[in-house]
Amino acid sequence: MTTEERQVSIAQWHALAQRGTVLPMRIPLEGDSMRPLIRRRRDLVFFVPLARPLRRGDVVLFEAPPGRYVAHRVRRVRGSDVQTLGDHCWNPDPWMPSPAVIGLAVTVERGGRRIPLDSPLARTLGRAWMAGLPLRRGWWRCRALAGGCLRRMGWKR
């Protein structure tokens, strides 16, 4: 760890961000809800405190329930409320107030390469991915059905 890097919890980072005394935070995510964009424990995601209005397609960090931090994509913004959806999820999260969002993902680091997330192109690709949700649901159902049929026939990997 260099002198510029400090290890703090997300809760500590959030408290610092509320005071305006924090730098970007780089964390590995634990779940699969943002696959294929973010791979569990392999990719590092850089979050900055939210300093602008949320936009559809942004990848954000929020706390829900208390003590559990989640990174999902903004699906809809309605007034001062926001609804998110993980890239690998079927159902959107419940609506929450925008202040519940504590950070904005700006970059994903994968294998030494940085992929920008806070750009018009990245948000457009994210919106296109969300628009394909009905197709992805159909694909997942077909895949599960085919896997079940193959298992019943005795096929193993």
N, C-alpha and C. Protein backbone atom coordinates (compact mmCIF):
# COMPACT_ATOMS: atom_id res chain seq x y z
N MET A 1 0.85 -1.17 0.00
CA MET A 1 0.00 0.00 0.00
C MET A 1 0.89 1.24 0.00
N THR A 2 0.63 2.17 -0.92
CA THR A 2 1.41 3.40 -0.99
C THR A 2 0.87 4.41 0.00
N THR A 3 1.58 5.52 0.13
CA THR A 3 1.13 6.54 1.07
C THR A 3 -0.16 7.21 0.61
N GLU A 4 -0.47 7.16 -0.71
CA GLU A 4 -1.70 7.75 -1.22
C GLU A 4 -2.91 6.86 -0.94
N GLU A 5 -2.68 5.56 -0.76
CA GLU A 5 -3.78 4.64 -0.55
C GLU A 5 -3.99 4.39 0.94
N ARG A 6 -5.24 4.42 1.34
CA ARG A 6 -5.61 4.12 2.71
C ARG A 6 -6.76 3.13 2.65
N GLN A 7 -6.79 2.23 3.59
CA GLN A 7 -7.88 1.28 3.64
C GLN A 7 -8.93 1.79 4.61
N VAL A 8 -10.10 2.08 4.06
CA VAL A 8 -11.23 2.51 4.88
C VAL A 8 -12.45 1.71 4.43
N SER A 9 -13.40 1.58 5.32
CA SER A 9 -14.63 0.89 4.96
C SER A 9 -15.49 1.82 4.10
N ILE A 10 -16.48 1.24 3.44
CA ILE A 10 -17.39 2.06 2.64
C ILE A 10 -18.12 3.05 3.54
N ALA A 11 -18.51 2.61 4.73
CA ALA A 11 -19.21 3.50 5.66
C ALA A 11 -18.31 4.68 6.06
N GLN A 12 -17.02 4.43 6.29
CA GLN A 12 -16.09 5.50 6.63
C GLN A 12 -15.93 6.46 5.44
N TRP A 13 -15.82 5.87 4.25
CA TRP A 13 -15.69 6.68 3.03
C TRP A 13 -16.92 7.56 2.85
N HIS A 14 -18.10 6.99 3.09
CA HIS A 14 -19.34 7.74 2.95
C HIS A 14 -19.37 8.92 3.92
N ALA A 15 -18.96 8.69 5.15
CA ALA A 15 -18.92 9.78 6.14
C ALA A 15 -17.95 10.89 5.69
N LEU A 16 -16.81 10.50 5.15
CA LEU A 16 -15.85 11.49 4.65
C LEU A 16 -16.43 12.24 3.44
N ALA A 17 -17.12 11.51 2.57
CA ALA A 17 -17.71 12.13 1.38
C ALA A 17 -18.75 13.17 1.77
N GLN A 18 -19.52 12.90 2.80
CA GLN A 18 -20.53 13.86 3.26
C GLN A 18 -19.89 15.14 3.76
N ARG A 19 -18.67 15.04 4.25
CA ARG A 19 -17.95 16.23 4.71
C ARG A 19 -17.17 16.90 3.58
N GLY A 20 -17.09 16.23 2.44
CA GLY A 20 -16.36 16.80 1.30
C GLY A 20 -14.86 16.60 1.37
N THR A 21 -14.40 15.63 2.16
CA THR A 21 -12.96 15.42 2.34
C THR A 21 -12.56 14.00 1.94
N VAL A 22 -12.85 13.63 0.71
CA VAL A 22 -12.56 12.26 0.31
C VAL A 22 -12.12 12.21 -1.15
N LEU A 23 -11.31 11.22 -1.43
CA LEU A 23 -10.85 10.95 -2.79
C LEU A 23 -11.64 9.77 -3.36
N PRO A 24 -11.45 9.48 -4.63
CA PRO A 24 -12.12 8.30 -5.19
C PRO A 24 -11.76 7.05 -4.40
N MET A 25 -12.72 6.14 -4.33
CA MET A 25 -12.53 4.88 -3.62
C MET A 25 -12.48 3.76 -4.66
N ARG A 26 -11.56 2.84 -4.49
CA ARG A 26 -11.41 1.70 -5.40
C ARG A 26 -11.74 0.44 -4.63
N ILE A 27 -12.81 -0.28 -5.07
CA ILE A 27 -13.22 -1.48 -4.34
C ILE A 27 -13.51 -2.62 -5.30
N PRO A 28 -13.22 -3.85 -4.87
CA PRO A 28 -13.69 -5.02 -5.61
C PRO A 28 -15.11 -5.34 -5.15
N LEU A 29 -16.00 -5.63 -6.08
CA LEU A 29 -17.37 -5.95 -5.70
C LEU A 29 -17.49 -7.45 -5.46
N GLU A 30 -18.39 -7.83 -4.58
CA GLU A 30 -18.54 -9.23 -4.17
C GLU A 30 -19.60 -10.00 -4.95
N GLY A 31 -20.64 -9.36 -5.41
CA GLY A 31 -21.75 -10.07 -6.02
C GLY A 31 -21.65 -10.17 -7.54
N ASP A 32 -22.65 -10.81 -8.12
CA ASP A 32 -22.71 -10.98 -9.57
C ASP A 32 -23.77 -10.11 -10.21
N SER A 33 -24.39 -9.21 -9.47
CA SER A 33 -25.52 -8.46 -10.01
C SER A 33 -25.13 -7.51 -11.13
N MET A 34 -23.87 -7.19 -11.30
CA MET A 34 -23.46 -6.29 -12.37
C MET A 34 -22.68 -6.99 -13.48
N ARG A 35 -22.71 -8.33 -13.49
CA ARG A 35 -22.09 -9.03 -14.61
C ARG A 35 -22.88 -8.73 -15.89
N PRO A 36 -22.31 -8.65 -17.02
CA PRO A 36 -20.92 -8.90 -17.37
C PRO A 36 -20.02 -7.68 -17.23
N LEU A 37 -20.60 -6.51 -16.91
CA LEU A 37 -19.78 -5.30 -16.81
C LEU A 37 -18.72 -5.42 -15.74
N ILE A 38 -19.11 -5.89 -14.55
CA ILE A 38 -18.19 -5.97 -13.42
C ILE A 38 -18.14 -7.41 -12.95
N ARG A 39 -16.95 -7.98 -12.92
CA ARG A 39 -16.77 -9.37 -12.51
C ARG A 39 -16.35 -9.44 -11.05
N ARG A 40 -17.02 -10.33 -10.33
CA ARG A 40 -16.81 -10.49 -8.90
C ARG A 40 -15.34 -10.74 -8.56
N ARG A 41 -14.85 -9.96 -7.60
CA ARG A 41 -13.50 -10.07 -7.03
C ARG A 41 -12.37 -10.00 -8.05
N ARG A 42 -12.66 -9.70 -9.31
CA ARG A 42 -11.61 -9.56 -10.33
C ARG A 42 -11.41 -8.12 -10.75
N ASP A 43 -12.53 -7.40 -10.87
CA ASP A 43 -12.47 -6.02 -11.32
C ASP A 43 -12.52 -5.08 -10.13
N LEU A 44 -11.81 -3.98 -10.24
CA LEU A 44 -11.88 -2.93 -9.22
C LEU A 44 -12.70 -1.78 -9.79
N VAL A 45 -13.60 -1.26 -8.97
CA VAL A 45 -14.47 -0.18 -9.40
C VAL A 45 -14.09 1.08 -8.64
N PHE A 46 -13.92 2.17 -9.37
CA PHE A 46 -13.59 3.46 -8.76
C PHE A 46 -14.88 4.25 -8.57
N PHE A 47 -15.17 4.63 -7.33
CA PHE A 47 -16.34 5.43 -7.00
C PHE A 47 -15.90 6.80 -6.52
N VAL A 48 -16.66 7.81 -6.90
CA VAL A 48 -16.45 9.17 -6.42
C VAL A 48 -17.76 9.62 -5.76
N PRO A 49 -17.68 10.59 -4.84
CA PRO A 49 -18.92 11.11 -4.26
C PRO A 49 -19.80 11.72 -5.36
N LEU A 50 -21.08 11.59 -5.20
CA LEU A 50 -22.02 12.10 -6.20
C LEU A 50 -22.02 13.62 -6.14
N ALA A 51 -21.66 14.26 -7.25
CA ALA A 51 -21.56 15.71 -7.29
C ALA A 51 -22.39 16.31 -8.42
N ARG A 52 -23.27 15.51 -9.03
CA ARG A 52 -24.10 15.99 -10.12
C ARG A 52 -25.42 15.22 -10.09
N PRO A 53 -26.43 15.69 -10.81
CA PRO A 53 -27.69 14.93 -10.86
C PRO A 53 -27.48 13.56 -11.51
N LEU A 54 -28.24 12.60 -11.06
CA LEU A 54 -28.15 11.25 -11.62
C LEU A 54 -28.74 11.21 -13.02
N ARG A 55 -28.19 10.32 -13.85
CA ARG A 55 -28.67 10.13 -15.22
C ARG A 55 -28.93 8.66 -15.45
N ARG A 56 -29.90 8.36 -16.32
CA ARG A 56 -30.15 6.97 -16.69
C ARG A 56 -28.85 6.37 -17.24
N GLY A 57 -28.54 5.16 -16.79
CA GLY A 57 -27.34 4.47 -17.25
C GLY A 57 -26.15 4.62 -16.33
N ASP A 58 -26.19 5.57 -15.38
CA ASP A 58 -25.09 5.72 -14.41
C ASP A 58 -25.00 4.45 -13.56
N VAL A 59 -23.80 4.08 -13.16
CA VAL A 59 -23.61 3.00 -12.19
C VAL A 59 -23.33 3.68 -10.86
N VAL A 60 -24.16 3.34 -9.86
CA VAL A 60 -24.10 4.04 -8.58
C VAL A 60 -23.94 3.06 -7.43
N LEU A 61 -23.50 3.60 -6.30
CA LEU A 61 -23.35 2.84 -5.06
C LEU A 61 -24.37 3.38 -4.06
N PHE A 62 -25.12 2.48 -3.45
CA PHE A 62 -26.09 2.89 -2.44
C PHE A 62 -26.12 1.87 -1.32
N GLU A 63 -26.74 2.25 -0.23
CA GLU A 63 -26.82 1.38 0.94
C GLU A 63 -28.26 0.90 1.09
N ALA A 64 -28.46 -0.42 0.96
CA ALA A 64 -29.82 -0.99 1.11
C ALA A 64 -29.70 -2.48 1.35
N PRO A 65 -30.12 -2.98 2.44
CA PRO A 65 -30.55 -2.32 3.67
C PRO A 65 -29.33 -1.71 4.37
N PRO A 66 -29.53 -1.01 5.50
CA PRO A 66 -28.40 -0.41 6.19
C PRO A 66 -27.29 -1.43 6.47
N GLY A 67 -26.06 -1.02 6.13
CA GLY A 67 -24.91 -1.89 6.35
C GLY A 67 -24.55 -2.74 5.14
N ARG A 68 -25.40 -2.76 4.13
CA ARG A 68 -25.14 -3.53 2.90
C ARG A 68 -25.05 -2.56 1.73
N TYR A 69 -23.94 -2.57 1.05
CA TYR A 69 -23.71 -1.63 -0.04
C TYR A 69 -23.87 -2.35 -1.37
N VAL A 70 -24.56 -1.70 -2.31
CA VAL A 70 -24.91 -2.30 -3.59
C VAL A 70 -24.52 -1.35 -4.71
N ALA A 71 -23.97 -1.90 -5.77
CA ALA A 71 -23.69 -1.12 -6.99
C ALA A 71 -24.62 -1.63 -8.08
N HIS A 72 -25.47 -0.75 -8.60
CA HIS A 72 -26.39 -1.07 -9.68
C HIS A 72 -26.47 0.12 -10.63
N ARG A 73 -27.09 -0.11 -11.76
CA ARG A 73 -27.25 0.92 -12.78
C ARG A 73 -28.57 1.68 -12.56
N VAL A 74 -28.55 2.99 -12.81
CA VAL A 74 -29.76 3.79 -12.70
C VAL A 74 -30.67 3.44 -13.87
N ARG A 75 -31.86 2.98 -13.53
CA ARG A 75 -32.85 2.61 -14.54
C ARG A 75 -33.77 3.78 -14.86
N ARG A 76 -34.24 4.46 -13.81
CA ARG A 76 -35.15 5.59 -13.99
C ARG A 76 -34.86 6.65 -12.94
N VAL A 77 -35.10 7.89 -13.31
CA VAL A 77 -35.04 9.01 -12.37
C VAL A 77 -36.38 9.74 -12.49
N ARG A 78 -37.04 9.91 -11.36
CA ARG A 78 -38.35 10.58 -11.33
C ARG A 78 -38.33 11.60 -10.19
N GLY A 79 -38.21 12.86 -10.55
CA GLY A 79 -38.12 13.90 -9.53
C GLY A 79 -36.89 13.69 -8.68
N SER A 80 -37.11 13.52 -7.37
CA SER A 80 -35.98 13.30 -6.47
C SER A 80 -35.82 11.83 -6.11
N ASP A 81 -36.47 10.95 -6.86
CA ASP A 81 -36.37 9.51 -6.62
C ASP A 81 -35.64 8.82 -7.76
N VAL A 82 -35.05 7.67 -7.44
CA VAL A 82 -34.28 6.91 -8.42
C VAL A 82 -34.62 5.43 -8.28
N GLN A 83 -34.61 4.73 -9.41
CA GLN A 83 -34.79 3.28 -9.41
C GLN A 83 -33.58 2.67 -10.11
N THR A 84 -33.03 1.62 -9.52
CA THR A 84 -31.84 0.99 -10.07
C THR A 84 -32.14 -0.44 -10.47
N LEU A 85 -31.23 -1.01 -11.26
CA LEU A 85 -31.35 -2.38 -11.71
C LEU A 85 -29.94 -2.91 -11.95
N GLY A 86 -29.62 -4.05 -11.37
CA GLY A 86 -28.34 -4.68 -11.63
C GLY A 86 -28.32 -5.23 -13.05
N ASP A 87 -27.19 -5.19 -13.72
CA ASP A 87 -27.09 -5.66 -15.10
C ASP A 87 -27.43 -7.14 -15.23
N HIS A 88 -27.26 -7.90 -14.15
CA HIS A 88 -27.52 -9.34 -14.19
C HIS A 88 -28.77 -9.70 -13.39
N CYS A 89 -29.64 -8.71 -13.17
CA CYS A 89 -30.85 -8.92 -12.38
C CYS A 89 -32.09 -8.89 -13.27
N TRP A 90 -33.13 -9.57 -12.82
CA TRP A 90 -34.39 -9.62 -13.55
C TRP A 90 -35.31 -8.49 -13.16
N ASN A 91 -35.30 -8.12 -11.90
CA ASN A 91 -36.26 -7.15 -11.37
C ASN A 91 -35.55 -5.91 -10.86
N PRO A 92 -36.15 -4.73 -11.11
CA PRO A 92 -35.54 -3.50 -10.60
C PRO A 92 -35.66 -3.41 -9.08
N ASP A 93 -34.79 -2.62 -8.49
CA ASP A 93 -34.83 -2.34 -7.06
C ASP A 93 -36.00 -1.40 -6.78
N PRO A 94 -36.48 -1.36 -5.53
CA PRO A 94 -37.54 -0.40 -5.18
C PRO A 94 -37.05 1.04 -5.37
N TRP A 95 -37.98 1.94 -5.60
CA TRP A 95 -37.63 3.36 -5.71
C TRP A 95 -37.01 3.82 -4.39
N MET A 96 -36.03 4.71 -4.50
CA MET A 96 -35.39 5.26 -3.31
C MET A 96 -35.12 6.74 -3.56
N PRO A 97 -34.97 7.51 -2.50
CA PRO A 97 -34.64 8.93 -2.69
C PRO A 97 -33.21 9.07 -3.23
N SER A 98 -33.01 10.01 -4.11
CA SER A 98 -31.67 10.22 -4.70
C SER A 98 -30.57 10.37 -3.66
N PRO A 99 -30.81 11.03 -2.51
CA PRO A 99 -29.74 11.14 -1.51
C PRO A 99 -29.27 9.78 -0.96
N ALA A 100 -30.02 8.71 -1.20
CA ALA A 100 -29.57 7.39 -0.77
C ALA A 100 -28.36 6.92 -1.57
N VAL A 101 -28.17 7.50 -2.75
CA VAL A 101 -27.00 7.16 -3.58
C VAL A 101 -25.79 7.86 -2.99
N ILE A 102 -24.75 7.08 -2.68
CA ILE A 102 -23.59 7.67 -2.01
C ILE A 102 -22.37 7.80 -2.90
N GLY A 103 -22.39 7.15 -4.06
CA GLY A 103 -21.23 7.25 -4.93
C GLY A 103 -21.57 6.95 -6.38
N LEU A 104 -20.73 7.44 -7.27
CA LEU A 104 -20.89 7.25 -8.70
C LEU A 104 -19.67 6.49 -9.21
N ALA A 105 -19.90 5.39 -9.91
CA ALA A 105 -18.78 4.63 -10.49
C ALA A 105 -18.28 5.37 -11.72
N VAL A 106 -16.99 5.64 -11.76
CA VAL A 106 -16.42 6.37 -12.89
C VAL A 106 -15.52 5.51 -13.75
N THR A 107 -14.99 4.43 -13.18
CA THR A 107 -14.06 3.58 -13.92
C THR A 107 -14.10 2.16 -13.37
N VAL A 108 -13.91 1.20 -14.26
CA VAL A 108 -13.69 -0.19 -13.86
C VAL A 108 -12.28 -0.55 -14.30
N GLU A 109 -11.50 -1.13 -13.39
CA GLU A 109 -10.14 -1.55 -13.73
C GLU A 109 -10.15 -3.06 -13.93
N ARG A 110 -9.79 -3.50 -15.12
CA ARG A 110 -9.79 -4.92 -15.47
C ARG A 110 -8.45 -5.26 -16.11
N GLY A 111 -7.68 -6.10 -15.43
CA GLY A 111 -6.40 -6.54 -15.98
C GLY A 111 -5.46 -5.40 -16.31
N GLY A 112 -5.44 -4.37 -15.47
CA GLY A 112 -4.54 -3.24 -15.70
C GLY A 112 -5.10 -2.21 -16.66
N ARG A 113 -6.23 -2.49 -17.29
CA ARG A 113 -6.86 -1.55 -18.23
C ARG A 113 -8.03 -0.86 -17.55
N ARG A 114 -8.18 0.41 -17.79
CA ARG A 114 -9.28 1.17 -17.18
C ARG A 114 -10.38 1.40 -18.21
N ILE A 115 -11.61 1.07 -17.81
CA ILE A 115 -12.78 1.23 -18.67
C ILE A 115 -13.62 2.36 -18.08
N PRO A 116 -13.79 3.48 -18.81
CA PRO A 116 -14.56 4.59 -18.25
C PRO A 116 -16.05 4.26 -18.22
N LEU A 117 -16.71 4.64 -17.13
CA LEU A 117 -18.15 4.42 -16.97
C LEU A 117 -18.94 5.72 -16.97
N ASP A 118 -18.29 6.83 -16.68
CA ASP A 118 -18.98 8.11 -16.56
C ASP A 118 -18.83 8.91 -17.85
N SER A 119 -19.32 8.34 -18.93
CA SER A 119 -19.26 9.01 -20.23
C SER A 119 -20.59 8.80 -20.94
N PRO A 120 -20.92 9.66 -21.89
CA PRO A 120 -22.17 9.46 -22.63
C PRO A 120 -22.23 8.09 -23.32
N LEU A 121 -21.11 7.63 -23.90
CA LEU A 121 -21.09 6.32 -24.56
C LEU A 121 -21.37 5.19 -23.57
N ALA A 122 -20.73 5.23 -22.41
CA ALA A 122 -20.94 4.18 -21.41
C ALA A 122 -22.38 4.15 -20.93
N ARG A 123 -22.96 5.34 -20.71
CA ARG A 123 -24.37 5.39 -20.28
C ARG A 123 -25.30 4.89 -21.38
N THR A 124 -25.01 5.23 -22.63
CA THR A 124 -25.83 4.76 -23.76
C THR A 124 -25.77 3.24 -23.86
N LEU A 125 -24.58 2.67 -23.73
CA LEU A 125 -24.45 1.21 -23.77
C LEU A 125 -25.19 0.57 -22.59
N GLY A 126 -25.13 1.20 -21.42
CA GLY A 126 -25.87 0.69 -20.26
C GLY A 126 -27.37 0.74 -20.48
N ARG A 127 -27.86 1.82 -21.08
CA ARG A 127 -29.29 1.90 -21.38
C ARG A 127 -29.69 0.85 -22.39
N ALA A 128 -28.85 0.61 -23.38
CA ALA A 128 -29.14 -0.43 -24.38
C ALA A 128 -29.19 -1.81 -23.71
N TRP A 129 -28.27 -2.05 -22.78
CA TRP A 129 -28.27 -3.32 -22.05
C TRP A 129 -29.57 -3.49 -21.26
N MET A 130 -30.01 -2.41 -20.60
CA MET A 130 -31.26 -2.47 -19.84
C MET A 130 -32.46 -2.68 -20.76
N ALA A 131 -32.43 -2.07 -21.94
CA ALA A 131 -33.55 -2.22 -22.89
C ALA A 131 -33.67 -3.67 -23.36
N GLY A 132 -32.57 -4.41 -23.35
CA GLY A 132 -32.59 -5.82 -23.76
C GLY A 132 -33.04 -6.77 -22.68
N LEU A 133 -33.51 -6.25 -21.54
CA LEU A 133 -33.91 -7.12 -20.42
C LEU A 133 -34.93 -8.18 -20.83
N PRO A 134 -35.97 -7.86 -21.59
CA PRO A 134 -36.91 -8.93 -21.97
C PRO A 134 -36.23 -10.05 -22.75
N LEU A 135 -35.29 -9.72 -23.62
CA LEU A 135 -34.57 -10.75 -24.38
C LEU A 135 -33.69 -11.59 -23.46
N ARG A 136 -33.04 -10.92 -22.50
CA ARG A 136 -32.18 -11.65 -21.55
C ARG A 136 -33.01 -12.58 -20.68
N ARG A 137 -34.19 -12.12 -20.25
CA ARG A 137 -35.06 -12.99 -19.46
C ARG A 137 -35.42 -14.24 -20.24
N GLY A 138 -35.78 -14.08 -21.52
CA GLY A 138 -36.09 -15.23 -22.37
C GLY A 138 -34.91 -16.16 -22.52
N TRP A 139 -33.72 -15.59 -22.70
CA TRP A 139 -32.50 -16.40 -22.84
C TRP A 139 -32.25 -17.20 -21.57
N TRP A 140 -32.36 -16.54 -20.40
CA TRP A 140 -32.12 -17.24 -19.14
C TRP A 140 -33.12 -18.37 -18.93
N ARG A 141 -34.38 -18.13 -19.28
CA ARG A 141 -35.41 -19.17 -19.13
C ARG A 141 -35.14 -20.35 -20.05
N CYS A 142 -34.80 -20.06 -21.30
CA CYS A 142 -34.48 -21.14 -22.25
C CYS A 142 -33.27 -21.93 -21.79
N ARG A 143 -32.28 -21.23 -21.32
CA ARG A 143 -31.06 -21.88 -20.84
C ARG A 143 -31.36 -22.79 -19.64
N ALA A 144 -32.17 -22.30 -18.70
CA ALA A 144 -32.53 -23.11 -17.53
C ALA A 144 -33.35 -24.32 -17.95
N LEU A 145 -34.27 -24.14 -18.88
CA LEU A 145 -35.09 -25.24 -19.36
C LEU A 145 -34.24 -26.29 -20.06
N ALA A 146 -33.32 -25.84 -20.92
CA ALA A 146 -32.45 -26.77 -21.63
C ALA A 146 -31.55 -27.52 -20.65
N GLY A 147 -31.02 -26.80 -19.64
CA GLY A 147 -30.17 -27.46 -18.65
C GLY A 147 -30.92 -28.51 -17.87
N GLY A 148 -32.18 -28.20 -17.49
CA GLY A 148 -33.01 -29.18 -16.78
C GLY A 148 -33.27 -30.41 -17.61
N CYS A 149 -33.57 -30.20 -18.89
CA CYS A 149 -33.82 -31.34 -19.79
C CYS A 149 -32.57 -32.21 -19.93
N LEU A 150 -31.42 -31.56 -20.11
CA LEU A 150 -30.18 -32.33 -20.25
C LEU A 150 -29.84 -33.12 -18.98
N ARG A 151 -30.08 -32.51 -17.83
CA ARG A 151 -29.82 -33.23 -16.57
C ARG A 151 -30.73 -34.44 -16.43
N ARG A 152 -31.99 -34.28 -16.82
CA ARG A 152 -32.91 -35.43 -16.75
C ARG A 152 -32.49 -36.56 -17.68
N MET A 153 -31.84 -36.21 -18.77
CA MET A 153 -31.38 -37.22 -19.73
C MET A 153 -30.05 -37.84 -19.30
N GLY A 154 -29.48 -37.35 -18.19
CA GLY A 154 -28.24 -37.92 -17.66
C GLY A 154 -26.98 -37.23 -18.15
N TRP A 155 -27.10 -36.11 -18.85
CA TRP A 155 -25.92 -35.41 -19.34
C TRP A 155 -25.28 -34.64 -18.20
N LYS A 156 -23.94 -34.75 -18.10
CA LYS A 156 -23.18 -34.04 -17.06
C LYS A 156 -22.06 -33.27 -17.73
N ARG A 157 -21.66 -32.21 -17.10
CA ARG A 157 -20.55 -31.39 -17.65
C ARG A 157 -19.23 -32.09 -17.52
